[in-house]
Full PDB file with SEQRES, HELIX, SHEET, SSBOND, CRYST1, ORIGX, SCALE, CONECT and MASTER records, all heavy atoms in Angstrom:
SEQRES   1 A   35  ARG ILE ALA ARG VAL PRO ASN GLY ALA PHE GLN HIS LEU          
SEQRES   2 A   35  SER GLN LEU ARG GLU LEU ASP LEU SER ARG ASN ALA ILE          
SEQRES   3 A   35  GLU THR ILE GLY PRO ALA ALA PHE SER                          
SHEET    1 AA1 2 ARG A   4  VAL A   5  0                                        
SHEET    2 AA1 2 THR A  28  ILE A  29  1                                        
CRYST1    1.000    1.000    1.000  90.00  90.00  90.00 P 1           1          
ORIGX1      1.000000  0.000000  0.000000        0.00000                         
ORIGX2      0.000000  1.000000  0.000000        0.00000                         
ORIGX3      0.000000  0.000000  1.000000        0.00000                         
SCALE1      1.000000  0.000000  0.000000        0.00000                         
SCALE2      0.000000  1.000000  0.000000        0.00000                         
SCALE3      0.000000  0.000000  1.000000        0.00000                         
ATOM      1  N   ARG A   1       0.834  -1.220   0.001  1.00  0.00           N  
ATOM      2  CA  ARG A   1       0.002  -0.009   0.008  1.00  0.00           C  
ATOM      3  C   ARG A   1       0.863   1.254   0.007  1.00  0.00           C  
ATOM      4  O   ARG A   1       0.491   2.296   0.546  1.00  0.00           O  
ATOM      5  CB  ARG A   1      -0.924  -0.001   1.204  1.00  0.00           C  
ATOM      6  CG  ARG A   1      -1.971  -1.125   1.187  1.00  0.00           C  
ATOM      7  CD  ARG A   1      -3.049  -0.899   2.233  1.00  0.00           C  
ATOM      8  NE  ARG A   1      -2.507  -0.952   3.575  1.00  0.00           N  
ATOM      9  CZ  ARG A   1      -3.056  -0.323   4.610  1.00  0.00           C  
ATOM     10  NH1 ARG A   1      -4.117   0.448   4.444  1.00  0.00           N  
ATOM     11  NH2 ARG A   1      -2.523  -0.445   5.811  1.00  0.00           N  
ATOM     12  N   ILE A   2       2.016   1.185  -0.621  1.00  0.00           N  
ATOM     13  CA  ILE A   2       2.929   2.337  -0.676  1.00  0.00           C  
ATOM     14  C   ILE A   2       2.337   3.398  -1.573  1.00  0.00           C  
ATOM     15  O   ILE A   2       1.944   3.121  -2.717  1.00  0.00           O  
ATOM     16  CB  ILE A   2       4.311   1.875  -1.204  1.00  0.00           C  
ATOM     17  CG1 ILE A   2       4.902   0.823  -0.242  1.00  0.00           C  
ATOM     18  CG2 ILE A   2       5.249   3.051  -1.345  1.00  0.00           C  
ATOM     19  CD1 ILE A   2       6.156   0.166  -0.793  1.00  0.00           C  
ATOM     20  N   ALA A   3       2.277   4.650  -1.064  1.00  0.00           N  
ATOM     21  CA  ALA A   3       1.645   5.730  -1.822  1.00  0.00           C  
ATOM     22  C   ALA A   3       2.645   6.732  -2.370  1.00  0.00           C  
ATOM     23  O   ALA A   3       2.305   7.490  -3.280  1.00  0.00           O  
ATOM     24  CB  ALA A   3       0.633   6.454  -0.949  1.00  0.00           C  
ATOM     25  N   ARG A   4       3.855   6.756  -1.847  1.00  0.00           N  
ATOM     26  CA  ARG A   4       4.834   7.712  -2.306  1.00  0.00           C  
ATOM     27  C   ARG A   4       6.256   7.119  -2.233  1.00  0.00           C  
ATOM     28  O   ARG A   4       6.522   6.258  -1.386  1.00  0.00           O  
ATOM     29  CB  ARG A   4       4.786   9.009  -1.501  1.00  0.00           C  
ATOM     30  CG  ARG A   4       4.992   8.830  -0.003  1.00  0.00           C  
ATOM     31  CD  ARG A   4       4.842  10.124   0.753  1.00  0.00           C  
ATOM     32  NE  ARG A   4       5.854  11.092   0.384  1.00  0.00           N  
ATOM     33  CZ  ARG A   4       7.030  11.210   1.046  1.00  0.00           C  
ATOM     34  NH1 ARG A   4       7.300  10.429   2.057  1.00  0.00           N  
ATOM     35  NH2 ARG A   4       7.906  12.095   0.652  1.00  0.00           N  
ATOM     36  N   VAL A   5       7.113   7.588  -3.150  1.00  0.00           N  
ATOM     37  CA  VAL A   5       8.519   7.194  -3.135  1.00  0.00           C  
ATOM     38  C   VAL A   5       9.314   8.437  -2.844  1.00  0.00           C  
ATOM     39  O   VAL A   5       9.482   9.301  -3.713  1.00  0.00           O  
ATOM     40  CB  VAL A   5       8.949   6.583  -4.486  1.00  0.00           C  
ATOM     41  CG1 VAL A   5      10.388   6.092  -4.400  1.00  0.00           C  
ATOM     42  CG2 VAL A   5       8.004   5.438  -4.870  1.00  0.00           C  
ATOM     43  N   PRO A   6       9.851   8.605  -1.639  1.00  0.00           N  
ATOM     44  CA  PRO A   6      10.560   9.840  -1.264  1.00  0.00           C  
ATOM     45  C   PRO A   6      11.939   9.909  -1.874  1.00  0.00           C  
ATOM     46  O   PRO A   6      12.485   8.928  -2.370  1.00  0.00           O  
ATOM     47  CB  PRO A   6      10.630   9.751   0.258  1.00  0.00           C  
ATOM     48  CG  PRO A   6      10.637   8.280   0.542  1.00  0.00           C  
ATOM     49  CD  PRO A   6       9.776   7.645  -0.523  1.00  0.00           C  
ATOM     50  N   ASN A   7      12.511  11.091  -1.847  1.00  0.00           N  
ATOM     51  CA  ASN A   7      13.879  11.313  -2.321  1.00  0.00           C  
ATOM     52  C   ASN A   7      14.873  10.447  -1.538  1.00  0.00           C  
ATOM     53  O   ASN A   7      14.757  10.352  -0.293  1.00  0.00           O  
ATOM     54  CB  ASN A   7      14.255  12.768  -2.217  1.00  0.00           C  
ATOM     55  CG  ASN A   7      13.495  13.641  -3.191  1.00  0.00           C  
ATOM     56  OD1 ASN A   7      13.111  13.208  -4.254  1.00  0.00           O  
ATOM     57  ND2 ASN A   7      13.278  14.888  -2.818  1.00  0.00           N  
ATOM     58  N   GLY A   8      15.811   9.863  -2.238  1.00  0.00           N  
ATOM     59  CA  GLY A   8      16.869   9.080  -1.569  1.00  0.00           C  
ATOM     60  C   GLY A   8      16.443   7.786  -0.952  1.00  0.00           C  
ATOM     61  O   GLY A   8      17.146   7.246  -0.089  1.00  0.00           O  
ATOM     62  N   ALA A   9      15.269   7.261  -1.359  1.00  0.00           N  
ATOM     63  CA  ALA A   9      14.764   6.032  -0.727  1.00  0.00           C  
ATOM     64  C   ALA A   9      15.664   4.838  -0.956  1.00  0.00           C  
ATOM     65  O   ALA A   9      15.701   3.892  -0.148  1.00  0.00           O  
ATOM     66  CB  ALA A   9      13.366   5.735  -1.250  1.00  0.00           C  
ATOM     67  N   PHE A  10      16.457   4.851  -2.056  1.00  0.00           N  
ATOM     68  CA  PHE A  10      17.310   3.697  -2.389  1.00  0.00           C  
ATOM     69  C   PHE A  10      18.762   4.109  -2.607  1.00  0.00           C  
ATOM     70  O   PHE A  10      19.519   3.365  -3.256  1.00  0.00           O  
ATOM     71  CB  PHE A  10      16.762   3.010  -3.641  1.00  0.00           C  
ATOM     72  CG  PHE A  10      15.291   2.768  -3.628  1.00  0.00           C  
ATOM     73  CD1 PHE A  10      14.426   3.587  -4.338  1.00  0.00           C  
ATOM     74  CD2 PHE A  10      14.761   1.712  -2.910  1.00  0.00           C  
ATOM     75  CE1 PHE A  10      13.058   3.372  -4.329  1.00  0.00           C  
ATOM     76  CE2 PHE A  10      13.394   1.481  -2.891  1.00  0.00           C  
ATOM     77  CZ  PHE A  10      12.534   2.309  -3.591  1.00  0.00           C  
ATOM     78  N   GLN A  11      19.155   5.234  -2.089  1.00  0.00           N  
ATOM     79  CA  GLN A  11      20.489   5.764  -2.416  1.00  0.00           C  
ATOM     80  C   GLN A  11      21.632   4.919  -1.886  1.00  0.00           C  
ATOM     81  O   GLN A  11      22.750   5.022  -2.416  1.00  0.00           O  
ATOM     82  CB  GLN A  11      20.614   7.190  -1.906  1.00  0.00           C  
ATOM     83  CG  GLN A  11      20.496   7.318  -0.391  1.00  0.00           C  
ATOM     84  CD  GLN A  11      20.524   8.771   0.051  1.00  0.00           C  
ATOM     85  OE1 GLN A  11      20.714   9.686  -0.750  1.00  0.00           O  
ATOM     86  NE2 GLN A  11      20.369   9.003   1.344  1.00  0.00           N  
ATOM     87  N   HIS A  12      21.389   4.048  -0.913  1.00  0.00           N  
ATOM     88  CA  HIS A  12      22.465   3.195  -0.391  1.00  0.00           C  
ATOM     89  C   HIS A  12      22.506   1.833  -1.057  1.00  0.00           C  
ATOM     90  O   HIS A  12      23.336   0.986  -0.698  1.00  0.00           O  
ATOM     91  CB  HIS A  12      22.252   3.009   1.124  1.00  0.00           C  
ATOM     92  CG  HIS A  12      21.010   2.230   1.475  1.00  0.00           C  
ATOM     93  ND1 HIS A  12      19.749   2.729   1.271  1.00  0.00           N  
ATOM     94  CD2 HIS A  12      20.855   0.992   2.030  1.00  0.00           C  
ATOM     95  CE1 HIS A  12      18.855   1.839   1.668  1.00  0.00           C  
ATOM     96  NE2 HIS A  12      19.503   0.793   2.141  1.00  0.00           N  
ATOM     97  N   LEU A  13      21.666   1.615  -2.064  1.00  0.00           N  
ATOM     98  CA  LEU A  13      21.582   0.300  -2.711  1.00  0.00           C  
ATOM     99  C   LEU A  13      22.279   0.320  -4.072  1.00  0.00           C  
ATOM    100  O   LEU A  13      21.659   0.152  -5.105  1.00  0.00           O  
ATOM    101  CB  LEU A  13      20.100  -0.116  -2.859  1.00  0.00           C  
ATOM    102  CG  LEU A  13      19.298  -0.134  -1.583  1.00  0.00           C  
ATOM    103  CD1 LEU A  13      17.856  -0.510  -1.855  1.00  0.00           C  
ATOM    104  CD2 LEU A  13      19.910  -1.104  -0.557  1.00  0.00           C  
ATOM    105  N   SER A  14      23.580   0.535  -4.044  1.00  0.00           N  
ATOM    106  CA  SER A  14      24.318   0.684  -5.313  1.00  0.00           C  
ATOM    107  C   SER A  14      24.415  -0.614  -6.092  1.00  0.00           C  
ATOM    108  O   SER A  14      24.736  -0.598  -7.277  1.00  0.00           O  
ATOM    109  CB  SER A  14      25.722   1.214  -5.005  1.00  0.00           C  
ATOM    110  OG  SER A  14      26.420   0.325  -4.144  1.00  0.00           O  
ATOM    111  N   GLN A  15      24.168  -1.759  -5.438  1.00  0.00           N  
ATOM    112  CA  GLN A  15      24.249  -3.053  -6.140  1.00  0.00           C  
ATOM    113  C   GLN A  15      22.904  -3.543  -6.668  1.00  0.00           C  
ATOM    114  O   GLN A  15      22.829  -4.620  -7.260  1.00  0.00           O  
ATOM    115  CB  GLN A  15      24.839  -4.100  -5.179  1.00  0.00           C  
ATOM    116  CG  GLN A  15      26.229  -3.783  -4.652  1.00  0.00           C  
ATOM    117  CD  GLN A  15      26.755  -4.862  -3.753  1.00  0.00           C  
ATOM    118  OE1 GLN A  15      26.601  -6.065  -4.006  1.00  0.00           O  
ATOM    119  NE2 GLN A  15      27.391  -4.457  -2.670  1.00  0.00           N  
ATOM    120  N   LEU A  16      21.866  -2.744  -6.442  1.00  0.00           N  
ATOM    121  CA  LEU A  16      20.517  -3.187  -6.817  1.00  0.00           C  
ATOM    122  C   LEU A  16      20.397  -3.281  -8.339  1.00  0.00           C  
ATOM    123  O   LEU A  16      20.803  -2.377  -9.084  1.00  0.00           O  
ATOM    124  CB  LEU A  16      19.482  -2.183  -6.282  1.00  0.00           C  
ATOM    125  CG  LEU A  16      18.034  -2.687  -6.268  1.00  0.00           C  
ATOM    126  CD1 LEU A  16      17.893  -3.860  -5.306  1.00  0.00           C  
ATOM    127  CD2 LEU A  16      17.102  -1.536  -5.810  1.00  0.00           C  
ATOM    128  N   ARG A  17      19.835  -4.414  -8.793  1.00  0.00           N  
ATOM    129  CA  ARG A  17      19.653  -4.658 -10.231  1.00  0.00           C  
ATOM    130  C   ARG A  17      18.178  -4.647 -10.638  1.00  0.00           C  
ATOM    131  O   ARG A  17      17.875  -4.299 -11.769  1.00  0.00           O  
ATOM    132  CB  ARG A  17      20.293  -6.008 -10.613  1.00  0.00           C  
ATOM    133  CG  ARG A  17      21.793  -6.058 -10.414  1.00  0.00           C  
ATOM    134  CD  ARG A  17      22.499  -5.063 -11.311  1.00  0.00           C  
ATOM    135  NE  ARG A  17      23.948  -5.074 -11.119  1.00  0.00           N  
ATOM    136  CZ  ARG A  17      24.586  -4.204 -10.341  1.00  0.00           C  
ATOM    137  NH1 ARG A  17      23.907  -3.272  -9.677  1.00  0.00           N  
ATOM    138  NH2 ARG A  17      25.905  -4.250 -10.211  1.00  0.00           N  
ATOM    139  N   GLU A  18      17.307  -5.048  -9.737  1.00  0.00           N  
ATOM    140  CA  GLU A  18      15.870  -5.103 -10.074  1.00  0.00           C  
ATOM    141  C   GLU A  18      15.052  -4.562  -8.912  1.00  0.00           C  
ATOM    142  O   GLU A  18      15.240  -4.958  -7.772  1.00  0.00           O  
ATOM    143  CB  GLU A  18      15.450  -6.527 -10.413  1.00  0.00           C  
ATOM    144  CG  GLU A  18      14.007  -6.663 -10.814  1.00  0.00           C  
ATOM    145  CD  GLU A  18      13.627  -8.076 -11.247  1.00  0.00           C  
ATOM    146  OE1 GLU A  18      14.571  -8.833 -11.641  1.00  0.00           O  
ATOM    147  OE2 GLU A  18      12.445  -8.424 -11.197  1.00  0.00           O  
ATOM    148  N   LEU A  19      14.139  -3.641  -9.225  1.00  0.00           N  
ATOM    149  CA  LEU A  19      13.289  -3.007  -8.229  1.00  0.00           C  
ATOM    150  C   LEU A  19      11.834  -3.128  -8.667  1.00  0.00           C  
ATOM    151  O   LEU A  19      11.455  -2.619  -9.736  1.00  0.00           O  
ATOM    152  CB  LEU A  19      13.664  -1.543  -8.036  1.00  0.00           C  
ATOM    153  CG  LEU A  19      12.791  -0.705  -7.107  1.00  0.00           C  
ATOM    154  CD1 LEU A  19      12.736  -1.315  -5.708  1.00  0.00           C  
ATOM    155  CD2 LEU A  19      13.316   0.727  -7.032  1.00  0.00           C  
ATOM    156  N   ASP A  20      11.048  -3.824  -7.875  1.00  0.00           N  
ATOM    157  CA  ASP A  20       9.632  -4.069  -8.207  1.00  0.00           C  
ATOM    158  C   ASP A  20       8.738  -3.280  -7.258  1.00  0.00           C  
ATOM    159  O   ASP A  20       8.636  -3.605  -6.070  1.00  0.00           O  
ATOM    160  CB  ASP A  20       9.329  -5.565  -8.112  1.00  0.00           C  
ATOM    161  CG  ASP A  20       7.944  -5.915  -8.665  1.00  0.00           C  
ATOM    162  OD1 ASP A  20       7.175  -4.984  -8.978  1.00  0.00           O  
ATOM    163  OD2 ASP A  20       7.624  -7.108  -8.781  1.00  0.00           O  
ATOM    164  N   LEU A  21       8.090  -2.238  -7.779  1.00  0.00           N  
ATOM    165  CA  LEU A  21       7.150  -1.431  -7.002  1.00  0.00           C  
ATOM    166  C   LEU A  21       5.741  -1.540  -7.578  1.00  0.00           C  
ATOM    167  O   LEU A  21       4.905  -0.657  -7.335  1.00  0.00           O  
ATOM    168  CB  LEU A  21       7.614   0.026  -7.001  1.00  0.00           C  
ATOM    169  CG  LEU A  21       8.845   0.353  -6.193  1.00  0.00           C  
ATOM    170  CD1 LEU A  21       9.402   1.723  -6.550  1.00  0.00           C  
ATOM    171  CD2 LEU A  21       8.562   0.297  -4.684  1.00  0.00           C  
ATOM    172  N   SER A  22       5.474  -2.571  -8.328  1.00  0.00           N  
ATOM    173  CA  SER A  22       4.180  -2.700  -8.975  1.00  0.00           C  
ATOM    174  C   SER A  22       3.068  -3.014  -7.945  1.00  0.00           C  
ATOM    175  O   SER A  22       3.327  -3.453  -6.831  1.00  0.00           O  
ATOM    176  CB  SER A  22       4.245  -3.831 -10.023  1.00  0.00           C  
ATOM    177  OG  SER A  22       4.508  -5.063  -9.395  1.00  0.00           O  
ATOM    178  N   ARG A  23       1.807  -2.754  -8.390  1.00  0.00           N  
ATOM    179  CA  ARG A  23       0.635  -3.081  -7.616  1.00  0.00           C  
ATOM    180  C   ARG A  23       0.660  -2.448  -6.224  1.00  0.00           C  
ATOM    181  O   ARG A  23       0.397  -3.092  -5.208  1.00  0.00           O  
ATOM    182  CB  ARG A  23       0.460  -4.606  -7.505  1.00  0.00           C  
ATOM    183  CG  ARG A  23       0.333  -5.278  -8.861  1.00  0.00           C  
ATOM    184  CD  ARG A  23       0.068  -6.768  -8.756  1.00  0.00           C  
ATOM    185  NE  ARG A  23       0.048  -7.369 -10.077  1.00  0.00           N  
ATOM    186  CZ  ARG A  23      -1.009  -7.358 -10.919  1.00  0.00           C  
ATOM    187  NH1 ARG A  23      -2.135  -6.753 -10.546  1.00  0.00           N  
ATOM    188  NH2 ARG A  23      -0.924  -7.914 -12.111  1.00  0.00           N  
ATOM    189  N   ASN A  24       0.973  -1.164  -6.209  1.00  0.00           N  
ATOM    190  CA  ASN A  24       0.878  -0.371  -5.001  1.00  0.00           C  
ATOM    191  C   ASN A  24      -0.136   0.758  -5.219  1.00  0.00           C  
ATOM    192  O   ASN A  24      -1.010   0.645  -6.105  1.00  0.00           O  
ATOM    193  CB  ASN A  24       2.250   0.198  -4.614  1.00  0.00           C  
ATOM    194  CG  ASN A  24       3.085  -0.785  -3.836  1.00  0.00           C  
ATOM    195  OD1 ASN A  24       2.913  -0.973  -2.635  1.00  0.00           O  
ATOM    196  ND2 ASN A  24       4.026  -1.448  -4.540  1.00  0.00           N  
ATOM    197  N   ALA A  25      -0.024   1.817  -4.482  1.00  0.00           N  
ATOM    198  CA  ALA A  25      -0.934   2.970  -4.627  1.00  0.00           C  
ATOM    199  C   ALA A  25      -0.113   4.234  -4.849  1.00  0.00           C  
ATOM    200  O   ALA A  25      -0.468   5.311  -4.406  1.00  0.00           O  
ATOM    201  CB  ALA A  25      -1.822   3.107  -3.403  1.00  0.00           C  
ATOM    202  N   ILE A  26       1.013   4.086  -5.553  1.00  0.00           N  
ATOM    203  CA  ILE A  26       1.961   5.194  -5.716  1.00  0.00           C  
ATOM    204  C   ILE A  26       1.367   6.306  -6.580  1.00  0.00           C  
ATOM    205  O   ILE A  26       0.908   6.066  -7.703  1.00  0.00           O  
ATOM    206  CB  ILE A  26       3.281   4.683  -6.363  1.00  0.00           C  
ATOM    207  CG1 ILE A  26       3.945   3.676  -5.425  1.00  0.00           C  
ATOM    208  CG2 ILE A  26       4.227   5.852  -6.640  1.00  0.00           C  
ATOM    209  CD1 ILE A  26       5.168   2.997  -6.033  1.00  0.00           C  
ATOM    210  N   GLU A  27       1.351   7.493  -6.037  1.00  0.00           N  
ATOM    211  CA  GLU A  27       0.906   8.696  -6.734  1.00  0.00           C  
ATOM    212  C   GLU A  27       2.021   9.698  -6.910  1.00  0.00           C  
ATOM    213  O   GLU A  27       2.078  10.410  -7.906  1.00  0.00           O  
ATOM    214  CB  GLU A  27      -0.265   9.345  -6.006  1.00  0.00           C  
ATOM    215  CG  GLU A  27      -1.520   8.491  -5.909  1.00  0.00           C  
ATOM    216  CD  GLU A  27      -2.636   9.206  -5.166  1.00  0.00           C  
ATOM    217  OE1 GLU A  27      -2.448  10.387  -4.793  1.00  0.00           O  
ATOM    218  OE2 GLU A  27      -3.708   8.607  -4.981  1.00  0.00           O  
ATOM    219  N   THR A  28       2.915   9.753  -5.903  1.00  0.00           N  
ATOM    220  CA  THR A  28       3.964  10.778  -5.888  1.00  0.00           C  
ATOM    221  C   THR A  28       5.335  10.104  -5.879  1.00  0.00           C  
ATOM    222  O   THR A  28       5.597   9.179  -5.113  1.00  0.00           O  
ATOM    223  CB  THR A  28       3.840  11.656  -4.629  1.00  0.00           C  
ATOM    224  OG1 THR A  28       2.514  12.186  -4.580  1.00  0.00           O  
ATOM    225  CG2 THR A  28       4.834  12.768  -4.652  1.00  0.00           C  
ATOM    226  N   ILE A  29       6.217  10.608  -6.767  1.00  0.00           N  
ATOM    227  CA  ILE A  29       7.610  10.136  -6.820  1.00  0.00           C  
ATOM    228  C   ILE A  29       8.501  11.358  -6.759  1.00  0.00           C  
ATOM    229  O   ILE A  29       8.394  12.272  -7.606  1.00  0.00           O  
ATOM    230  CB  ILE A  29       7.863   9.346  -8.127  1.00  0.00           C  
ATOM    231  CG1 ILE A  29       6.964   8.123  -8.181  1.00  0.00           C  
ATOM    232  CG2 ILE A  29       9.312   8.946  -8.205  1.00  0.00           C  
ATOM    233  CD1 ILE A  29       7.086   7.314  -9.470  1.00  0.00           C  
ATOM    234  N   GLY A  30       9.377  11.394  -5.761  1.00  0.00           N  
ATOM    235  CA  GLY A  30      10.284  12.523  -5.607  1.00  0.00           C  
ATOM    236  C   GLY A  30      11.263  12.638  -6.752  1.00  0.00           C  
ATOM    237  O   GLY A  30      11.617  11.621  -7.377  1.00  0.00           O  
ATOM    238  N   PRO A  31      11.727  13.839  -7.066  1.00  0.00           N  
ATOM    239  CA  PRO A  31      12.653  14.014  -8.195  1.00  0.00           C  
ATOM    240  C   PRO A  31      13.996  13.284  -8.005  1.00  0.00           C  
ATOM    241  O   PRO A  31      14.652  12.975  -8.981  1.00  0.00           O  
ATOM    242  CB  PRO A  31      12.862  15.537  -8.248  1.00  0.00           C  
ATOM    243  CG  PRO A  31      12.467  16.042  -6.889  1.00  0.00           C  
ATOM    244  CD  PRO A  31      11.387  15.117  -6.422  1.00  0.00           C  
ATOM    245  N   ALA A  32      14.366  12.993  -6.768  1.00  0.00           N  
ATOM    246  CA  ALA A  32      15.608  12.256  -6.492  1.00  0.00           C  
ATOM    247  C   ALA A  32      15.303  10.900  -5.854  1.00  0.00           C  
ATOM    248  O   ALA A  32      16.104  10.372  -5.095  1.00  0.00           O  
ATOM    249  CB  ALA A  32      16.535  13.064  -5.592  1.00  0.00           C  
ATOM    250  N   ALA A  33      14.138  10.325  -6.165  1.00  0.00           N  
ATOM    251  CA  ALA A  33      13.723   9.080  -5.545  1.00  0.00           C  
ATOM    252  C   ALA A  33      14.660   7.922  -5.866  1.00  0.00           C  
ATOM    253  O   ALA A  33      14.882   7.031  -5.047  1.00  0.00           O  
ATOM    254  CB  ALA A  33      12.312   8.760  -5.968  1.00  0.00           C  
ATOM    255  N   PHE A  34      15.216   7.924  -7.070  1.00  0.00           N  
ATOM    256  CA  PHE A  34      16.056   6.798  -7.510  1.00  0.00           C  
ATOM    257  C   PHE A  34      17.520   7.180  -7.638  1.00  0.00           C  
ATOM    258  O   PHE A  34      18.267   6.546  -8.393  1.00  0.00           O  
ATOM    259  CB  PHE A  34      15.523   6.250  -8.845  1.00  0.00           C  
ATOM    260  CG  PHE A  34      14.072   5.856  -8.784  1.00  0.00           C  
ATOM    261  CD1 PHE A  34      13.102   6.609  -9.419  1.00  0.00           C  
ATOM    262  CD2 PHE A  34      13.684   4.715  -8.083  1.00  0.00           C  
ATOM    263  CE1 PHE A  34      11.777   6.248  -9.367  1.00  0.00           C  
ATOM    264  CE2 PHE A  34      12.352   4.340  -8.025  1.00  0.00           C  
ATOM    265  CZ  PHE A  34      11.387   5.109  -8.650  1.00  0.00           C  
ATOM    266  N   SER A  35      17.924   8.203  -6.885  1.00  0.00           N  
ATOM    267  CA  SER A  35      19.317   8.590  -6.910  1.00  0.00           C  
ATOM    268  C   SER A  35      20.176   7.469  -6.354  1.00  0.00           C  
ATOM    269  O   SER A  35      19.817   6.779  -5.376  1.00  0.00           O  
ATOM    270  CB  SER A  35      19.514   9.849  -6.065  1.00  0.00           C  
ATOM    271  OG  SER A  35      19.156   9.624  -4.710  1.00  0.00           O  
TER     272      SER A  35                                                      
MASTER        0    0    0    0    2    0    0    6  271    1    0    3          
END                                                                             
C-alpha cells in the first residue's frame, strides 16, 4: 500500500539490479527518488 517514493529512498543500494514497485498505490515520486 505504498503511496509515495521519497527522495533518496534507495540511495544506499548501489548493487541493486531489479526493483519491483508494482501493484501499489503510488501517486507521488520525488525528483531524487532513484538517486
